[in-house]
Protein backbone atom coordinates (compact mmCIF):
# COMPACT_ATOMS: atom_id res chain seq x y z
CA MET A 1 -5.70 9.87 -10.21
CA GLN A 2 -3.04 12.21 -11.59
CA TYR A 3 -1.49 9.33 -13.54
CA ALA A 4 -4.91 8.16 -14.74
CA ARG A 5 -5.88 11.65 -15.89
CA ASN A 6 -2.64 12.07 -17.83
CA ILE A 7 -3.04 8.66 -19.52
CA ALA A 8 -6.60 9.51 -20.57
CA SER A 9 -5.48 12.94 -21.78
CA GLY A 10 -2.83 11.44 -24.04
CA ASN A 11 0.03 12.64 -21.86
CA GLY A 12 1.36 9.16 -21.18
CA PHE A 13 2.01 7.19 -18.03
CA SER A 14 3.17 10.22 -16.12
CA PHE A 15 2.64 12.44 -13.10
CA ASN A 16 4.08 15.50 -14.86
CA ALA A 17 2.30 15.50 -18.21
CA GLY A 18 4.36 14.00 -21.03
CA GLU A 19 7.21 12.87 -18.75
CA PRO A 20 6.87 9.10 -18.14
CA SER A 21 7.72 8.00 -14.62
CA TYR A 22 7.11 4.90 -12.53
CA GLY A 23 5.85 6.76 -9.46
CA ILE A 24 3.05 4.41 -8.47
CA THR A 25 2.99 0.91 -7.02
CA SER A 26 -0.24 -0.19 -8.71
CA PRO A 27 -0.27 0.32 -12.49
CA LEU A 28 -3.31 -1.94 -12.95
CA TRP A 29 -5.32 0.22 -10.54
CA VAL A 30 -4.21 3.33 -12.45
CA PHE A 31 -5.45 1.86 -15.73
CA ILE A 32 -8.80 1.05 -14.11
CA LEU A 33 -9.03 4.65 -12.87
CA THR A 34 -8.72 6.01 -16.41
CA VAL A 35 -12.34 4.96 -17.11
CA PRO A 36 -14.10 8.06 -15.70
CA TYR A 37 -11.75 10.41 -17.58
CA PHE A 38 -12.57 8.66 -20.86
CA ALA A 39 -16.27 8.41 -19.99
CA GLY A 40 -16.59 12.01 -18.78
CA ILE A 41 -17.94 11.10 -15.35
CA ASN A 42 -16.87 12.24 -11.89
CA ALA A 43 -13.47 10.60 -11.33
CA PHE A 44 -13.42 11.22 -7.58
CA TRP A 45 -16.67 9.41 -6.82
CA TYR A 46 -16.00 6.69 -9.38
CA THR A 47 -12.73 5.89 -7.59
CA LYS A 48 -14.30 5.94 -4.12
CA ILE A 49 -17.30 3.81 -5.11
CA LEU A 50 -15.13 1.29 -6.98
CA ASP A 51 -12.94 0.97 -3.90
CA LEU A 52 -16.02 0.40 -1.75
CA PHE A 53 -17.29 -2.22 -4.21
CA PHE A 54 -14.06 -4.23 -3.93
CA ALA A 55 -14.15 -3.91 -0.13
CA ALA A 56 -17.73 -5.22 -0.01
CA PHE A 57 -17.02 -8.02 -2.47
CA SER A 58 -13.93 -8.98 -0.44
CA ILE A 59 -16.25 -9.73 2.48
CA PHE A 60 -18.19 -12.15 0.28
CA LEU A 61 -14.98 -13.77 -0.99
CA PHE A 62 -13.59 -14.13 2.51
CA PHE A 63 -16.77 -15.91 3.59
CA GLN A 64 -16.36 -18.26 0.62
CA LEU A 65 -12.75 -18.91 1.58
CA THR A 66 -13.74 -19.95 5.11
CA ARG A 67 -15.55 -23.02 3.78
CA PHE A 68 -12.20 -24.61 2.94
CA PHE A 69 -11.24 -24.46 6.63
CA PHE A 70 -14.52 -24.80 8.55
CA LYS A 71 -16.55 -27.10 6.32
CA THR A 72 -18.92 -28.35 9.00
CA ASN A 73 -18.86 -25.39 11.36
CA ASP A 74 -20.96 -22.50 10.12
CA PHE A 75 -20.61 -20.73 13.46
CA LEU A 76 -16.85 -20.32 13.05
CA ARG A 77 -17.38 -19.15 9.48
CA TYR A 78 -19.69 -16.38 10.72
CA VAL A 79 -17.25 -15.49 13.49
CA ALA A 80 -14.41 -15.30 10.94
CA VAL A 81 -16.25 -13.02 8.53
CA SER A 82 -17.47 -10.81 11.39
CA VAL A 83 -13.91 -10.33 12.64
CA PHE A 84 -12.83 -9.60 9.07
CA ILE A 85 -15.46 -6.87 8.69
CA LEU A 86 -14.50 -5.33 12.05
CA ASN A 87 -10.78 -5.12 11.29
CA ALA A 88 -9.84 -1.50 12.01
CA TRP A 89 -7.40 -1.28 9.09
CA PHE A 90 -9.91 -2.81 6.68
CA ILE A 91 -12.47 -0.17 7.69
CA ARG A 92 -9.82 2.55 7.55
CA TRP A 93 -8.76 1.91 3.97
CA ALA A 94 -12.11 1.00 2.41
CA PHE A 95 -13.62 3.91 0.47
CA THR A 96 -10.33 5.82 0.27
CA GLY A 97 -9.90 5.35 -3.48
CA MET A 98 -6.55 3.60 -2.95
CA GLU A 99 -5.83 0.17 -4.42
CA THR A 100 -5.94 -1.52 -1.00
CA SER A 101 -9.39 -3.13 -1.19
CA PHE A 102 -8.65 -4.28 -4.74
CA ALA A 103 -5.45 -5.96 -3.49
CA VAL A 104 -7.38 -7.69 -0.68
CA PHE A 105 -9.98 -8.81 -3.24
CA LEU A 106 -7.26 -10.27 -5.49
CA VAL A 107 -5.38 -12.13 -2.74
CA LEU A 108 -8.64 -13.73 -1.59
CA CYS A 109 -9.37 -14.72 -5.21
CA VAL A 110 -5.92 -16.33 -5.43
CA PHE A 111 -6.46 -18.47 -2.33
CA ILE A 112 -10.00 -19.49 -3.30
CA LEU A 113 -8.71 -20.60 -6.71
CA PHE A 114 -5.80 -22.42 -5.05
CA TYR A 115 -8.02 -24.42 -2.72
CA SER A 116 -10.45 -25.04 -5.60
CA LYS A 117 -7.46 -26.39 -7.58
CA ASN A 118 -8.17 -23.98 -10.43
CA PHE A 119 -4.45 -23.34 -10.78
CA GLY A 120 -4.43 -21.87 -14.28
CA LEU A 121 -6.81 -19.02 -13.46
CA MET A 122 -5.08 -18.61 -10.09
CA PHE A 123 -1.72 -17.84 -11.71
CA PHE A 124 -3.35 -15.40 -14.13
CA VAL A 125 -4.96 -13.51 -11.22
CA LEU A 126 -1.68 -13.64 -9.29
CA GLY A 127 0.17 -12.06 -12.22
CA ALA A 128 -2.40 -9.26 -12.27
CA MET A 129 -2.03 -8.88 -8.51
CA CYS A 130 1.70 -8.17 -8.97
CA LEU A 131 0.62 -5.07 -10.90
CA VAL A 132 -1.35 -3.97 -7.85
CA ARG A 133 1.07 -4.97 -5.06
CA PRO A 134 4.50 -5.92 -6.53
CA GLU A 135 5.45 -7.83 -3.38
CA SER A 136 2.92 -10.45 -4.50
CA PHE A 137 5.73 -12.14 -6.43
CA VAL A 138 6.57 -13.78 -3.08
CA LEU A 139 3.21 -15.55 -3.24
CA PHE A 140 4.11 -16.88 -6.69
CA LEU A 141 7.37 -18.27 -5.28
CA ILE A 142 5.36 -19.97 -2.52
CA LEU A 143 2.43 -21.39 -4.46
CA LEU A 144 4.24 -22.76 -7.53
CA PRO A 145 6.43 -25.22 -5.53
CA LEU A 146 3.44 -26.19 -3.36
CA ILE A 147 1.36 -27.00 -6.42
CA LEU A 148 4.18 -28.96 -8.03
CA ASN A 149 4.58 -30.91 -4.79
CA ILE A 150 0.85 -31.69 -4.77
CA GLN A 151 0.98 -32.91 -8.37
CA ILE A 152 4.05 -35.08 -7.70
CA LYS A 153 2.33 -36.67 -4.70
CA GLU A 154 -0.79 -37.28 -6.79
CA ARG A 155 1.40 -38.62 -9.63
CA ASN A 156 -0.06 -35.95 -11.86
CA PHE A 157 3.11 -33.96 -12.56
CA ASN A 158 3.43 -32.66 -16.11
CA LEU A 159 6.08 -30.21 -17.37
CA TYR A 160 3.44 -28.70 -19.64
CA HIS A 161 1.51 -27.60 -16.56
CA VAL A 162 4.56 -25.81 -15.17
CA ILE A 163 5.11 -23.95 -18.44
CA LYS A 164 1.41 -23.08 -18.61
CA TYR A 165 1.35 -21.72 -15.06
CA ILE A 166 4.42 -19.56 -15.63
CA PHE A 167 2.98 -18.30 -18.91
CA LEU A 168 -0.38 -17.40 -17.35
CA PHE A 169 1.40 -15.63 -14.49
CA SER A 170 3.56 -13.69 -16.95
CA ILE A 171 0.98 -12.80 -19.58
CA THR A 172 -0.16 -9.60 -17.85
CA LEU A 173 2.95 -8.86 -15.81
CA VAL A 174 5.82 -9.21 -18.29
CA PRO A 175 4.46 -6.87 -21.03
CA PHE A 176 4.16 -4.07 -18.50
CA LEU A 177 7.65 -4.75 -17.11
CA ILE A 178 9.07 -4.54 -20.65
CA TYR A 179 7.20 -1.27 -21.17
CA ALA A 180 8.43 0.01 -17.79
CA LYS A 181 12.05 -0.75 -18.63
CA GLN A 182 11.76 1.08 -21.95
CA ALA A 183 9.68 4.02 -20.73
CA PHE A 184 10.99 4.56 -17.19
CA GLY A 185 14.41 2.95 -17.27
CA THR A 186 13.47 0.58 -14.43
CA ILE A 187 11.14 -2.34 -13.75
CA LEU A 188 10.84 -1.42 -10.07
CA PRO A 189 8.49 1.43 -9.15
CA ASN A 190 10.09 4.51 -7.63
CA THR A 191 7.77 3.95 -4.70
CA ALA A 192 9.50 0.64 -3.95
CA LEU A 193 12.97 2.13 -4.36
CA GLY A 194 12.09 5.19 -2.31
CA LYS A 195 10.41 3.37 0.56
CA SER A 196 12.70 0.38 1.01
CA THR A 197 16.38 -0.54 1.10
CA LEU A 198 17.85 -4.04 1.38
CA THR A 199 19.47 -4.51 4.77
CA PHE A 200 20.95 -7.32 6.82
CA ASN A 201 21.75 -5.20 9.86
CA LEU A 202 20.39 -7.09 12.87
CA THR A 203 19.43 -3.95 14.78
CA VAL A 204 17.54 -2.52 11.80
CA ILE A 205 15.85 -5.87 11.20
CA LEU A 206 14.65 -6.11 14.80
CA ILE A 207 13.33 -2.53 14.75
CA GLN A 208 11.56 -3.19 11.45
CA LEU A 209 10.05 -6.43 12.73
CA ARG A 210 8.79 -4.62 15.82
CA GLU A 211 7.12 -1.96 13.64
CA ILE A 212 5.43 -4.61 11.47
CA LEU A 213 4.11 -6.55 14.46
CA LYS A 214 2.99 -3.36 16.18
CA THR A 215 1.08 -2.26 13.08
CA LEU A 216 -0.53 -5.68 12.68
CA ALA A 217 -1.41 -5.83 16.38
CA GLY A 218 -3.24 -2.52 16.09
CA ALA A 219 -6.12 -4.33 14.39
CA SER A 220 -5.36 -8.07 14.64
CA LEU A 221 -3.78 -8.65 18.07
CA ILE A 222 -6.14 -11.47 19.13
CA GLU A 223 -5.92 -13.24 15.79
CA MET A 224 -2.12 -12.99 15.81
CA VAL A 225 -1.79 -14.51 19.28
CA LEU A 226 -4.09 -17.39 18.38
CA SER A 227 -2.23 -17.88 15.08
CA VAL A 228 1.10 -18.22 16.90
CA PHE A 229 -0.42 -20.90 19.16
CA PHE A 230 -1.83 -22.64 16.11
CA ILE A 231 1.49 -22.59 14.24
CA PHE A 232 3.35 -24.07 17.21
CA THR A 233 0.67 -26.76 17.49
CA VAL A 234 0.74 -27.80 13.82
CA ILE A 235 4.54 -27.83 13.73
CA LYS A 236 4.57 -30.09 16.78
CA LYS A 237 1.97 -32.40 15.24
CA LYS A 238 3.42 -32.05 11.73
CA ASP A 239 -0.12 -31.55 10.47
CA PHE A 240 -0.75 -28.13 8.92
CA GLN A 241 -4.46 -28.86 8.29
CA ASN A 242 -4.43 -27.28 4.84
CA THR A 243 -3.04 -24.00 6.19
CA LEU A 244 0.59 -24.22 5.00
CA PRO A 245 0.03 -21.79 2.07
CA LEU A 246 -1.46 -19.21 4.47
CA ILE A 247 1.38 -19.57 6.97
CA LEU A 248 4.07 -19.35 4.29
CA TRP A 249 2.47 -16.23 2.74
CA ILE A 250 2.17 -14.47 6.10
CA THR A 251 5.77 -15.36 6.97
CA GLY A 252 7.13 -14.60 3.50
CA LEU A 253 5.65 -11.10 3.33
CA ILE A 254 6.81 -10.20 6.84
CA VAL A 255 10.34 -11.42 5.99
CA LEU A 256 10.33 -9.38 2.76
CA TYR A 257 9.22 -6.20 4.51
CA THR A 258 11.77 -6.83 7.25
CA VAL A 259 14.89 -7.38 5.13
CA THR A 260 13.99 -4.52 2.75
CA ASP A 261 13.41 -2.12 5.67
CA ALA A 262 10.25 -0.95 3.87
CA ASP A 263 8.21 1.94 5.23
CA ILE A 264 5.36 0.15 6.95
CA ILE A 265 1.86 1.47 6.30
CA SER A 266 -1.14 -0.42 7.66
CA ARG A 267 -2.68 -0.87 4.22
CA TYR A 268 0.36 -2.84 3.03
CA LEU A 269 -0.40 -5.51 5.62
CA LEU A 270 -4.05 -6.02 4.69
CA ILE A 271 -3.06 -8.65 2.13
CA ILE A 272 -2.05 -10.93 5.00
CA SER A 273 -4.12 -9.79 8.02
CA PRO A 274 -7.33 -11.64 6.93
CA LEU A 275 -5.37 -14.88 6.98
CA PHE A 276 -4.55 -14.45 10.67
CA ILE A 277 -8.28 -14.83 11.28
CA LEU A 278 -8.36 -18.24 9.59
CA THR A 279 -5.27 -19.61 11.30
CA GLY A 280 -6.32 -18.14 14.65
CA LEU A 281 -9.76 -19.70 14.54
CA LYS A 282 -8.29 -23.02 13.42
CA PHE A 283 -6.63 -23.09 16.83
CA ILE A 284 -10.03 -22.52 18.50
CA GLU A 285 -11.63 -25.24 16.40
CA GLY A 286 -9.64 -27.89 18.20
CA PHE A 287 -11.30 -27.19 21.56
CA ASN A 288 -14.41 -29.24 20.70
CA ARG A 289 -16.99 -28.80 23.50
CA LYS A 290 -15.54 -25.56 24.73
CA GLN A 291 -15.49 -24.20 21.21
CA LEU A 292 -18.76 -22.25 21.37
CA VAL A 293 -17.99 -20.49 24.63
CA ILE A 294 -14.37 -19.66 23.73
CA SER A 295 -15.26 -18.56 20.20
CA SER A 296 -18.05 -16.33 21.50
CA ALA A 297 -15.76 -14.74 24.10
CA ILE A 298 -13.03 -14.12 21.53
CA PHE A 299 -15.58 -12.72 19.08
CA ILE A 300 -16.90 -10.25 21.65
CA PHE A 301 -13.41 -9.26 22.79
CA THR A 302 -12.26 -8.79 19.19
CA LEU A 303 -15.35 -6.67 18.51
CA LEU A 304 -14.58 -4.41 21.45
CA PHE A 305 -10.84 -4.29 20.72
CA SER A 306 -11.31 -3.47 17.03
CA GLN A 307 -13.83 -0.74 17.71
CA PHE A 308 -11.71 0.72 20.51
CA ILE A 309 -8.68 0.93 18.20
CA PHE A 310 -10.78 2.35 15.38
CA TYR A 311 -12.57 5.08 17.33
CA LYS A 312 -9.69 5.91 19.68
CA PHE A 313 -6.88 6.10 17.12
CA VAL A 314 -7.84 5.38 13.51
CA LYS A 315 -10.90 7.59 12.99
CA PRO A 316 -9.41 10.75 14.61
CA SER A 317 -6.30 10.35 12.45
CA THR A 318 -8.41 9.81 9.34
CA ASP A 319 -10.53 12.87 10.14
CA ASP A 320 -7.36 14.93 10.56
CA PHE A 321 -6.09 13.72 7.21
CA ILE A 322 -9.36 14.63 5.47
CA THR A 323 -9.20 18.08 7.04
CA GLY A 324 -5.58 18.45 5.98
CA VAL A 325 -6.27 17.54 2.37
CA ASN A 326 -9.28 19.87 2.14
CA GLU A 327 -7.83 22.80 4.07
CA CYS A 328 -4.12 22.51 3.26
CA PHE A 329 -3.15 20.48 0.19
CA ILE A 330 -6.02 21.41 -2.13
CA PRO A 331 -5.82 25.16 -1.32
CA ILE A 332 -2.05 25.10 -1.93
CA GLY A 333 -2.56 23.34 -5.27
CA SER A 334 -5.34 25.74 -6.25
CA TRP A 335 -3.24 28.77 -5.27
CA LEU A 336 -0.34 27.56 -7.40
CA TYR A 337 -2.71 27.03 -10.33
CA LYS A 338 -4.12 30.57 -10.08
CA ASN A 339 -1.01 32.54 -9.11
CA THR A 340 2.00 31.03 -10.81
CA PRO A 341 3.15 30.85 -14.47
CA ASP A 342 2.30 27.64 -16.32
CA SER A 343 6.00 26.83 -16.69
CA SER A 344 6.68 26.98 -12.93
CA LYS A 345 8.52 24.13 -11.23
CA VAL A 346 7.45 23.31 -7.69
CA LEU A 347 9.61 21.37 -5.21
CA ALA A 348 7.37 19.59 -2.69
CA ASN A 349 7.32 16.57 -0.41
CA ASP A 350 3.61 15.59 -0.46
CA VAL A 351 2.85 15.76 -4.14
CA GLY A 352 -0.52 14.04 -4.73
CA ALA A 353 -3.25 16.64 -4.26
CA ILE A 354 -0.84 19.55 -4.77
CA GLY A 355 0.18 18.19 -8.17
CA TYR A 356 -3.38 17.26 -9.14
CA TYR A 357 -4.86 20.67 -8.38
CA SER A 358 -1.92 22.90 -9.36
CA GLY A 359 -1.31 21.66 -12.89
CA ARG A 360 2.34 22.62 -12.41
CA TYR A 361 5.55 20.67 -12.93
CA ILE A 362 6.26 18.93 -9.63
CA ILE A 363 9.68 17.87 -8.35
CA ASP A 364 9.14 15.27 -5.65
CA ALA A 365 11.38 15.63 -2.59
CA ALA A 366 10.47 12.03 -1.69
CA ALA A 367 11.84 10.78 -5.06
CA LEU A 368 8.62 8.93 -5.92
CA ILE A 369 7.23 10.52 -9.09
CA ASN A 370 10.38 12.01 -10.64
CA ARG A 371 11.36 10.74 -14.09
CA ASP A 372 15.07 11.52 -13.56
CA LEU A 373 16.53 8.41 -11.89
CA HIS A 374 19.84 10.20 -11.29
CA LEU A 375 17.97 12.92 -9.39
CA ASN A 376 16.13 10.26 -7.38
CA ARG A 377 19.44 8.66 -6.42
CA GLU A 378 20.81 12.04 -5.32
CA ILE A 379 17.72 12.63 -3.18
CA MET A 380 17.90 9.17 -1.59
CA ALA A 381 21.64 9.63 -0.95
CA THR A 382 20.84 12.73 1.10
CA ALA A 383 20.62 12.06 4.83
CA VAL A 384 17.06 11.64 6.09
CA GLU A 385 17.52 14.44 8.63
CA GLU A 386 18.47 16.77 5.77
CA ARG A 387 15.68 15.61 3.46
CA MET A 388 13.09 16.41 6.11
CA PHE A 389 13.67 20.09 5.27
CA THR A 390 12.87 20.22 1.58
CA HIS A 391 14.87 23.40 0.90
CA ASN A 392 18.11 21.46 1.50
CA LEU A 393 17.54 19.71 -1.84
CA LEU A 394 17.97 23.01 -3.64
CA LYS A 395 21.68 22.25 -3.59
CA PHE A 396 21.06 20.11 -6.68
CA VAL A 397 17.43 20.83 -7.64
CA GLU A 398 16.26 23.80 -9.72
CA ALA A 399 12.78 25.06 -8.82
CA ASP A 400 10.70 28.24 -8.90
CA TYR A 401 8.52 27.50 -5.89
CA LEU A 402 9.05 25.53 -2.71
CA VAL A 403 6.51 23.82 -0.45
CA GLU A 404 8.21 23.33 2.91
CA ARG A 405 6.81 21.07 5.64
CA ASP A 406 7.55 22.30 9.16
CA THR A 407 6.50 21.73 12.76
CA SER A 408 6.57 25.47 13.47
CA GLU A 409 4.15 28.12 12.23
CA VAL A 410 6.87 30.74 12.45
CA ASN A 411 8.55 31.63 9.17
CA GLU A 412 12.26 31.03 9.69
CA LEU A 413 13.31 30.47 6.08
CA THR A 414 14.45 33.63 4.32
CA VAL A 415 17.92 32.80 3.01
CA PHE A 416 19.65 29.49 2.22
CA ASN A 417 23.03 29.45 0.48
CA ASP A 418 22.51 31.58 -2.64
CA PHE A 419 18.71 31.37 -2.43
CA LYS A 420 16.23 33.89 -1.09
CA PHE A 421 12.62 33.06 -0.34
CA LYS A 422 9.39 35.02 -0.34
CA LEU A 423 6.68 33.48 1.83
CA GLU A 424 3.39 33.27 -0.09
CA MET A 425 1.15 31.30 2.27
CA ILE A 426 1.04 28.99 5.30
CA LYS A 427 -1.51 26.20 5.74
CA LYS A 428 -1.96 23.91 8.73
CA PHE A 429 -2.22 20.14 8.43
CA PRO A 430 -3.65 18.69 11.71
CA SER A 431 -1.56 15.48 11.74
CA LEU A 432 0.03 13.07 9.29
CA GLY A 433 -0.71 9.75 10.96
CA ILE A 434 -1.67 7.74 14.00
CA SER A 435 1.88 7.48 15.30
CA ASP A 436 2.59 11.18 14.82
CA ARG A 437 -0.18 13.54 15.89
CA THR A 438 2.01 16.65 15.71
CA PRO A 439 0.50 19.37 13.49
CA ARG A 440 2.47 20.35 10.40
CA PHE A 441 2.62 23.71 8.71
CA TYR A 442 3.04 23.80 4.95
CA LYS A 443 4.71 26.98 3.74
CA VAL A 444 4.72 28.01 0.11
CA TYR A 445 7.73 30.07 -0.95
CA LYS A 446 8.65 31.79 -4.16
CA ILE A 447 12.34 31.37 -4.90
CA ILE A 448 13.38 34.89 -5.78
CA ASN A 449 16.91 34.15 -6.98
CA SER A 450 19.15 31.12 -7.34
CA LYS A 451 22.62 30.09 -8.42
CA LYS A 452 21.35 29.84 -11.96
CA LYS A 453 20.23 33.45 -11.92
């Protein structure tokens, strides 16, 4: 929303007004969010309602997609869409205002168009999807060879088609990448650079794979188990039953997240988790007479499992986050707006609401929204243990105010190197996520003197 507001205000594609930076993963979503600022309507509710619209429409699209896999079995189609609706992560991220539901909507569009053999429009949508989730380029690398293989088998191969598909994929994506290179100095968003690093260390890979599977299992355990059985079955029979694109996309994204050691957030995995439902139920479909009983049992168990996960873990964490934003981040941003000079620079780790409500120049300790790529590299080169305490970055960052995130309510920061700090306020954030329910205390400091002074 900060980026959208600055674009609409004529301040460019920026978090800090007038300073272009590639601090978001979803430029297309940002452009869509500029509408309420131009139209003069409530941007907050526009964003939330639009997100909810894409979530609701995704349900309809998913039901349409099931017809390509369960053509004569309406029962399994209803089971599939019911499980989709009950997915704890899908419920969690719908109505947040993030791009997640839009990304789910687009990936379902891509697969519907693929199975409908509307390849031209499919590649156009896929190009747009890369401006919502950049990892979608993996899907392009999967689908293009599959389509070419289909056309060769059908003796319908034509080089013109290949050129057309690549052009349609590129028509929305490439212009923005050219703009990004010129405006930001990079075609990769800072969010990708800051949250992932290429690694081939076996230990790191295994840990990362465990985190991915654990996150997926939190909402899709039953579907995943059934999908594994199905994959083993189709490999043995050498008959993928029209599911090869789904299996390759699931595998490809997991491999990408694994080798890049990306920070895993549940919403990142929602562009593959619906497909586990289809492959899982394809395994059930082969049971013939036992199908109704087994499907019903799995449906009921999935219902109970999803709701248990949601109400036991997801909803309490979400409620804590809402409380934290309303009682911690927004008050800090509002205080900075009212009590600091317009020219103040604020060093902070969680920049979204603080930056939006403060109207001050924000230096991001997570290296996500900063324009200065050299500064971002310095931040990322700092050991994680050091970066956790934001004041350590003052070794090479100049700021007037500091927002420190701490596990203790006690003020222990008064002097650091040549810096002295005046505590202005402390706000409690109940917890930052499901896996870490420890309260955090955000402390706002005024930097009284520095090396510069």
